[in-house]
PDB file of N, CA and C in Angstrom:
ATOM      1  N   MET A   1       0.876  -0.964  -0.222  1.00  0.00           N
ATOM      2  CA  MET A   1       0.121   0.183  -0.059  1.00  0.00           C
ATOM      3  C   MET A   1       0.690   1.427   0.093  1.00  0.00           C
ATOM      4  N   GLY A   2       1.811   1.231   0.696  1.00  0.00           N
ATOM      5  CA  GLY A   2       2.547   2.420   0.674  1.00  0.00           C
ATOM      6  C   GLY A   2       3.227   2.506  -0.393  1.00  0.00           C
ATOM      7  N   LEU A   3       4.106   1.553  -0.614  1.00  0.00           N
ATOM      8  CA  LEU A   3       4.541   1.493  -2.153  1.00  0.00           C
ATOM      9  C   LEU A   3       3.804   2.233  -3.266  1.00  0.00           C
ATOM     10  N   CYS A   4       2.593   1.392  -3.307  1.00  0.00           N
ATOM     11  CA  CYS A   4       1.514   1.811  -4.495  1.00  0.00           C
ATOM     12  C   CYS A   4       1.244   3.562  -4.606  1.00  0.00           C
ATOM     13  N   MET A   5       0.798   3.988  -3.022  1.00  0.00           N
ATOM     14  CA  MET A   5       0.386   5.231  -2.907  1.00  0.00           C
ATOM     15  C   MET A   5       1.638   6.457  -2.668  1.00  0.00           C
ATOM     16  N   GLY A   6       2.733   5.822  -2.007  1.00  0.00           N
ATOM     17  CA  GLY A   6       4.048   6.781  -2.066  1.00  0.00           C
ATOM     18  C   GLY A   6       4.690   6.742  -3.212  1.00  0.00           C
ATOM     19  N   ARG A   7       5.399   5.820  -3.651  1.00  0.00           N
ATOM     20  CA  ARG A   7       6.220   5.909  -4.716  1.00  0.00           C
ATOM     21  C   ARG A   7       5.387   6.041  -6.263  1.00  0.00           C
ATOM     22  N   LEU A   8       4.222   5.458  -6.428  1.00  0.00           N
ATOM     23  CA  LEU A   8       3.767   5.380  -7.698  1.00  0.00           C
ATOM     24  C   LEU A   8       2.733   6.517  -7.821  1.00  0.00           C
ATOM     25  N   GLY A   9       2.553   7.052  -6.201  1.00  0.00           N
ATOM     26  CA  GLY A   9       1.575   8.197  -6.432  1.00  0.00           C
ATOM     27  C   GLY A   9      -0.236   7.907  -6.499  1.00  0.00           C
ATOM     28  N   TRP A  10      -0.533   6.141  -6.703  1.00  0.00           N
ATOM     29  CA  TRP A  10      -1.739   5.960  -6.796  1.00  0.00           C
ATOM     30  C   TRP A  10      -2.351   6.745  -5.438  1.00  0.00           C
ATOM     31  N   SER A  11      -3.866   7.056  -5.711  1.00  0.00           N
ATOM     32  CA  SER A  11      -4.567   7.386  -4.537  1.00  0.00           C
ATOM     33  C   SER A  11      -5.209   6.308  -3.711  1.00  0.00           C
ATOM     34  N   PRO A  12      -5.662   6.462  -2.787  1.00  0.00           N
ATOM     35  CA  PRO A  12      -6.432   5.532  -1.657  1.00  0.00           C
ATOM     36  C   PRO A  12      -7.268   4.528  -2.748  1.00  0.00           C
ATOM     37  N   ASP A  13      -8.027   5.361  -3.394  1.00  0.00           N
ATOM     38  CA  ASP A  13      -9.309   4.377  -4.181  1.00  0.00           C
ATOM     39  C   ASP A  13      -8.739   3.769  -5.081  1.00  0.00           C
ATOM     40  N   SER A  14      -7.798   4.501  -5.879  1.00  0.00           N
ATOM     41  CA  SER A  14      -6.909   3.545  -7.207  1.00  0.00           C
ATOM     42  C   SER A  14      -6.245   2.297  -6.361  1.00  0.00           C
ATOM     43  N   PHE A  15      -5.590   1.986  -5.165  1.00  0.00           N
ATOM     44  CA  PHE A  15      -4.891   1.057  -4.410  1.00  0.00           C
ATOM     45  C   PHE A  15      -6.214   0.233  -4.203  1.00  0.00           C
ATOM     46  N   TRP A  16      -7.196   0.466  -3.871  1.00  0.00           N
ATOM     47  CA  TRP A  16      -8.414  -0.386  -3.246  1.00  0.00           C
ATOM     48  C   TRP A  16      -9.123  -0.727  -4.222  1.00  0.00           C
ATOM     49  N   ARG A  17      -9.181  -0.332  -5.453  1.00  0.00           N
ATOM     50  CA  ARG A  17     -10.163  -1.113  -6.460  1.00  0.00           C
ATOM     51  C   ARG A  17      -8.974  -1.910  -7.276  1.00  0.00           C
ATOM     52  N   ALA A  18      -7.672  -1.807  -7.060  1.00  0.00           N
ATOM     53  CA  ALA A  18      -6.760  -2.716  -7.701  1.00  0.00           C
ATOM     54  C   ALA A  18      -6.845  -4.043  -7.527  1.00  0.00           C
ATOM     55  N   THR A  19      -7.077  -5.190  -8.703  1.00  0.00           N
ATOM     56  CA  THR A  19      -7.182  -6.405  -8.236  1.00  0.00           C
ATOM     57  C   THR A  19      -5.902  -7.302  -7.699  1.00  0.00           C
ATOM     58  N   PRO A  20      -6.085  -8.067  -7.206  1.00  0.00           N
ATOM     59  CA  PRO A  20      -4.501  -8.830  -6.833  1.00  0.00           C
ATOM     60  C   PRO A  20      -3.394  -9.026  -7.753  1.00  0.00           C
ATOM     61  N   ARG A  21      -4.293  -9.598  -9.243  1.00  0.00           N
ATOM     62  CA  ARG A  21      -3.513  -9.538 -10.296  1.00  0.00           C
ATOM     63  C   ARG A  21      -2.594  -7.971 -10.765  1.00  0.00           C
ATOM     64  N   GLU A  22      -3.631  -7.175 -10.720  1.00  0.00           N
ATOM     65  CA  GLU A  22      -2.842  -5.754 -10.948  1.00  0.00           C
ATOM     66  C   GLU A  22      -1.645  -5.299 -10.068  1.00  0.00           C
ATOM     67  N   LEU A  23      -1.764  -5.903  -8.626  1.00  0.00           N
ATOM     68  CA  LEU A  23      -0.912  -5.318  -7.794  1.00  0.00           C
ATOM     69  C   LEU A  23       0.299  -6.289  -7.617  1.00  0.00           C
ATOM     70  N   ALA A  24       0.252  -7.849  -8.316  1.00  0.00           N
ATOM     71  CA  ALA A  24       1.434  -8.480  -8.493  1.00  0.00           C
ATOM     72  C   ALA A  24       1.996  -8.118  -9.830  1.00  0.00           C
ATOM     73  N   ALA A  25       0.787  -7.625 -10.850  1.00  0.00           N
ATOM     74  CA  ALA A  25       1.607  -6.860 -12.062  1.00  0.00           C
ATOM     75  C   ALA A  25       2.507  -5.744 -11.870  1.00  0.00           C
ATOM     76  N   VAL A  26       2.074  -4.896 -11.100  1.00  0.00           N
ATOM     77  CA  VAL A  26       3.158  -3.582 -10.544  1.00  0.00           C
ATOM     78  C   VAL A  26       4.349  -4.377  -9.591  1.00  0.00           C
ATOM     79  N   LEU A  27       4.137  -4.987  -8.999  1.00  0.00           N
ATOM     80  CA  LEU A  27       5.446  -5.798  -7.898  1.00  0.00           C
ATOM     81  C   LEU A  27       6.219  -6.170  -8.918  1.00  0.00           C
ATOM     82  N   ALA A  28       5.688  -6.934  -9.883  1.00  0.00           N
ATOM     83  CA  ALA A  28       6.839  -7.609 -10.866  1.00  0.00           C
ATOM     84  C   ALA A  28       7.718  -6.707 -11.564  1.00  0.00           C
ATOM     85  N   GLY A  29       6.604  -5.979 -11.877  1.00  0.00           N
ATOM     86  CA  GLY A  29       7.317  -4.668 -13.063  1.00  0.00           C
ATOM     87  C   GLY A  29       8.343  -3.875 -12.149  1.00  0.00           C
ATOM     88  N   LEU A  30       8.095  -3.518 -10.752  1.00  0.00           N
ATOM     89  CA  LEU A  30       9.230  -3.002  -9.855  1.00  0.00           C
ATOM     90  C   LEU A  30      10.378  -3.750  -9.906  1.00  0.00           C
ATOM     91  N   LYS A  31      10.121  -5.303  -9.756  1.00  0.00           N
ATOM     92  CA  LYS A  31      11.332  -5.992  -9.610  1.00  0.00           C
ATOM     93  C   LYS A  31      12.101  -6.245 -10.904  1.00  0.00           C
ATOM     94  N   GLY A  32      11.638  -6.070 -11.953  1.00  0.00           N
ATOM     95  CA  GLY A  32      11.968  -5.961 -13.566  1.00  0.00           C
ATOM     96  C   GLY A  32      11.608  -7.513 -13.935  1.00  0.00           C
ATOM     97  N   GLY A  33      10.399  -8.045 -13.231  1.00  0.00           N
ATOM     98  CA  GLY A  33      10.082  -9.236 -13.820  1.00  0.00           C
ATOM     99  C   GLY A  33       8.756  -9.366 -14.992  1.00  0.00           C
ATOM    100  N   ARG A  34       8.288 -10.619 -14.792  1.00  0.00           N
ATOM    101  CA  ARG A  34       6.986 -10.703 -15.453  1.00  0.00           C
ATOM    102  C   ARG A  34       6.121 -11.392 -14.980  1.00  0.00           C
ATOM    103  N   THR A  35       4.454 -10.956 -14.689  1.00  0.00           N
ATOM    104  CA  THR A  35       3.397 -11.639 -14.084  1.00  0.00           C
ATOM    105  C   THR A  35       3.770 -12.832 -14.505  1.00  0.00           C
ATOM    106  N   ARG A  36       3.958 -13.363 -15.707  1.00  0.00           N
ATOM    107  CA  ARG A  36       3.841 -14.987 -15.826  1.00  0.00           C
ATOM    108  C   ARG A  36       5.437 -15.788 -14.871  1.00  0.00           C
ATOM    109  N   ASP A  37       5.945 -14.949 -14.466  1.00  0.00           N
ATOM    110  CA  ASP A  37       7.003 -15.549 -13.605  1.00  0.00           C
ATOM    111  C   ASP A  37       6.760 -15.648 -12.547  1.00  0.00           C
ATOM    112  N   LEU A  38       5.558 -15.297 -11.802  1.00  0.00           N
ATOM    113  CA  LEU A  38       5.142 -15.321 -10.521  1.00  0.00           C
ATOM    114  C   LEU A  38       4.222 -16.942 -10.088  1.00  0.00           C
ATOM    115  N   ARG A  39       4.344 -16.966  -9.381  1.00  0.00           N
ATOM    116  CA  ARG A  39       3.569 -18.463  -8.749  1.00  0.00           C
ATOM    117  C   ARG A  39       2.789 -17.919  -7.833  1.00  0.00           C
ATOM    118  N   PRO A  40       1.330 -18.742  -8.121  1.00  0.00           N
ATOM    119  CA  PRO A  40       0.737 -18.545  -6.963  1.00  0.00           C
ATOM    120  C   PRO A  40       1.311 -19.327  -5.361  1.00  0.00           C
ATOM    121  N   LEU A  41       0.562 -18.962  -4.311  1.00  0.00           N
ATOM    122  CA  LEU A  41       0.883 -19.373  -3.078  1.00  0.00           C
ATOM    123  C   LEU A  41       0.394 -20.522  -2.957  1.00  0.00           C
ATOM    124  N   ALA A  42       1.384 -21.588  -2.432  1.00  0.00           N
ATOM    125  CA  ALA A  42       0.768 -23.023  -2.549  1.00  0.00           C
ATOM    126  C   ALA A  42       0.053 -22.931  -1.356  1.00  0.00           C
ATOM    127  N   ARG A  43      -1.038 -24.195  -1.336  1.00  0.00           N
ATOM    128  CA  ARG A  43      -1.781 -24.305   0.209  1.00  0.00           C
ATOM    129  C   ARG A  43      -1.147 -24.104   1.219  1.00  0.00           C
ATOM    130  N   ALA A  44       0.099 -25.439   1.288  1.00  0.00           N
ATOM    131  CA  ALA A  44       1.148 -25.242   2.962  1.00  0.00           C
ATOM    132  C   ALA A  44       1.464 -23.903   2.908  1.00  0.00           C
ATOM    133  N   GLY A  45       2.071 -23.003   2.233  1.00  0.00           N
ATOM    134  CA  GLY A  45       2.202 -21.691   2.359  1.00  0.00           C
ATOM    135  C   GLY A  45       1.356 -20.861   3.153  1.00  0.00           C
ATOM    136  N   LEU A  46      -0.317 -20.906   2.424  1.00  0.00           N
ATOM    137  CA  LEU A  46      -1.383 -20.286   2.946  1.00  0.00           C
ATOM    138  C   LEU A  46      -1.512 -21.060   4.343  1.00  0.00           C
ATOM    139  N   GLU A  47      -1.477 -22.073   4.594  1.00  0.00           N
ATOM    140  CA  GLU A  47      -2.001 -22.605   5.859  1.00  0.00           C
ATOM    141  C   GLU A  47      -0.883 -22.208   6.725  1.00  0.00           C
ATOM    142  N   ALA A  48       0.445 -22.133   6.581  1.00  0.00           N
ATOM    143  CA  ALA A  48       1.655 -21.655   7.124  1.00  0.00           C
ATOM    144  C   ALA A  48       1.436 -20.142   7.975  1.00  0.00           C
ATOM    145  N   LEU A  49       1.135 -19.389   7.160  1.00  0.00           N
ATOM    146  CA  LEU A  49       0.553 -17.989   6.980  1.00  0.00           C
ATOM    147  C   LEU A  49      -0.697 -17.991   7.943  1.00  0.00           C
ATOM    148  N   MET A  50      -1.502 -18.694   8.240  1.00  0.00           N
ATOM    149  CA  MET A  50      -2.427 -18.511   8.770  1.00  0.00           C
ATOM    150  C   MET A  50      -2.286 -19.164  10.441  1.00  0.00           C
ATOM    151  N   GLN A  51      -1.462 -19.835  10.235  1.00  0.00           N
ATOM    152  CA  GLN A  51      -1.206 -20.111  11.554  1.00  0.00           C
ATOM    153  C   GLN A  51      -0.283 -19.083  12.303  1.00  0.00           C
ATOM    154  N   ARG A  52       0.566 -18.479  11.416  1.00  0.00           N
ATOM    155  CA  ARG A  52       1.623 -17.785  12.169  1.00  0.00           C
ATOM    156  C   ARG A  52       0.682 -16.387  12.335  1.00  0.00           C
ATOM    157  N   PHE A  53      -0.592 -15.898  11.768  1.00  0.00           N
ATOM    158  CA  PHE A  53      -1.247 -14.595  11.818  1.00  0.00           C
ATOM    159  C   PHE A  53      -2.535 -15.228  11.515  1.00  0.00           C
ATOM    160  N   PRO A  54      -3.179 -15.547  12.680  1.00  0.00           N
ATOM    161  CA  PRO A  54      -4.484 -16.014  13.359  1.00  0.00           C
ATOM    162  C   PRO A  54      -5.195 -15.166  12.909  1.00  0.00           C
ATOM    163  N   ASP A  55      -6.485 -14.875  12.342  1.00  0.00           N
ATOM    164  CA  ASP A  55      -7.678 -14.178  11.902  1.00  0.00           C
ATOM    165  C   ASP A  55      -8.293 -13.799  13.497  1.00  0.00           C
ATOM    166  N   ALA A  56      -7.763 -12.760  14.193  1.00  0.00           N
ATOM    167  CA  ALA A  56      -8.466 -12.533  15.731  1.00  0.00           C
ATOM    168  C   ALA A  56      -9.894 -11.826  15.621  1.00  0.00           C
ATOM    169  N   ALA A  57     -10.133 -11.372  14.469  1.00  0.00           N
ATOM    170  CA  ALA A  57     -11.093 -10.516  14.296  1.00  0.00           C
ATOM    171  C   ALA A  57     -12.652 -11.600  14.238  1.00  0.00           C
ATOM    172  N   ALA A  58     -12.308 -13.013  14.074  1.00  0.00           N
ATOM    173  CA  ALA A  58     -13.347 -14.094  13.259  1.00  0.00           C
ATOM    174  C   ALA A  58     -14.033 -14.125  14.746  1.00  0.00           C
ATOM    175  N   GLY A  59     -13.359 -14.457  15.971  1.00  0.00           N
ATOM    176  CA  GLY A  59     -14.374 -14.227  17.406  1.00  0.00           C
ATOM    177  C   GLY A  59     -15.223 -12.996  17.646  1.00  0.00           C
ATOM    178  N   ARG A  60     -14.647 -12.026  17.379  1.00  0.00           N
ATOM    179  CA  ARG A  60     -15.439 -10.622  17.638  1.00  0.00           C
ATOM    180  C   ARG A  60     -16.849 -10.856  17.048  1.00  0.00           C
ATOM    181  N   ASP A  61     -16.391 -10.850  15.670  1.00  0.00           N
ATOM    182  CA  ASP A  61     -17.535 -10.782  14.770  1.00  0.00           C
ATOM    183  C   ASP A  61     -18.752 -11.812  15.026  1.00  0.00           C
ATOM    184  N   THR A  62     -18.436 -13.045  15.793  1.00  0.00           N
ATOM    185  CA  THR A  62     -19.448 -13.967  16.195  1.00  0.00           C
ATOM    186  C   THR A  62     -20.240 -13.786  17.372  1.00  0.00           C
ATOM    187  N   GLU A  63     -19.169 -13.035  18.356  1.00  0.00           N
ATOM    188  CA  GLU A  63     -19.612 -12.737  19.538  1.00  0.00           C
ATOM    189  C   GLU A  63     -20.883 -11.454  18.930  1.00  0.00           C
ATOM    190  N   ARG A  64     -20.677 -10.420  18.330  1.00  0.00           N
ATOM    191  CA  ARG A  64     -21.279  -9.415  17.705  1.00  0.00           C
ATOM    192  C   ARG A  64     -22.687  -9.899  17.367  1.00  0.00           C
ATOM    193  N   GLN A  65     -22.470 -10.747  16.566  1.00  0.00           N
ATOM    194  CA  GLN A  65     -23.797 -11.206  15.446  1.00  0.00           C
ATOM    195  C   GLN A  65     -24.561 -11.976  16.801  1.00  0.00           C
ATOM    196  N   GLU A  66     -24.055 -12.783  17.818  1.00  0.00           N
ATOM    197  CA  GLU A  66     -24.988 -13.753  18.872  1.00  0.00           C
ATOM    198  C   GLU A  66     -25.486 -12.946  19.966  1.00  0.00           C
ATOM    199  N   GLY A  67     -24.553 -11.902  20.437  1.00  0.00           N
ATOM    200  CA  GLY A  67     -25.019 -10.743  21.064  1.00  0.00           C
ATOM    201  C   GLY A  67     -26.030  -9.856  20.831  1.00  0.00           C
ATOM    202  N   GLY A  68     -26.169  -9.185  19.504  1.00  0.00           N
ATOM    203  CA  GLY A  68     -26.390  -8.434  19.109  1.00  0.00           C
ATOM    204  C   GLY A  68     -26.506  -7.194  19.549  1.00  0.00           C
ATOM    205  N   ASP A  69     -24.843  -6.891  19.382  1.00  0.00           N
ATOM    206  CA  ASP A  69     -24.396  -5.523  19.910  1.00  0.00           C
ATOM    207  C   ASP A  69     -23.647  -5.045  18.845  1.00  0.00           C
ATOM    208  N   GLU A  70     -24.547  -4.206  18.150  1.00  0.00           N
ATOM    209  CA  GLU A  70     -24.057  -3.076  16.837  1.00  0.00           C
ATOM    210  C   GLU A  70     -23.341  -1.816  17.485  1.00  0.00           C
ATOM    211  N   ARG A  71     -22.022  -1.809  17.675  1.00  0.00           N
ATOM    212  CA  ARG A  71     -21.590  -0.598  17.967  1.00  0.00           C
ATOM    213  C   ARG A  71     -20.927   0.167  17.065  1.00  0.00           C
TER     214      ARG A  71
END
């Protein structure tokens, strides 16, 4: 996000509307590569990231729905 807005001058709206494929193309271009050289994250890599960075907000969302607390 900082790279796109800071170095490339994208507006916040442009950043948030960009697709993952567009972001990958930008990053590959900055590295001098091509998007077809990029490989998707393997399932094992995704699971490792999910264990390392658990989604703490999931529990709060469930509590909010069950308790009816709409802050």
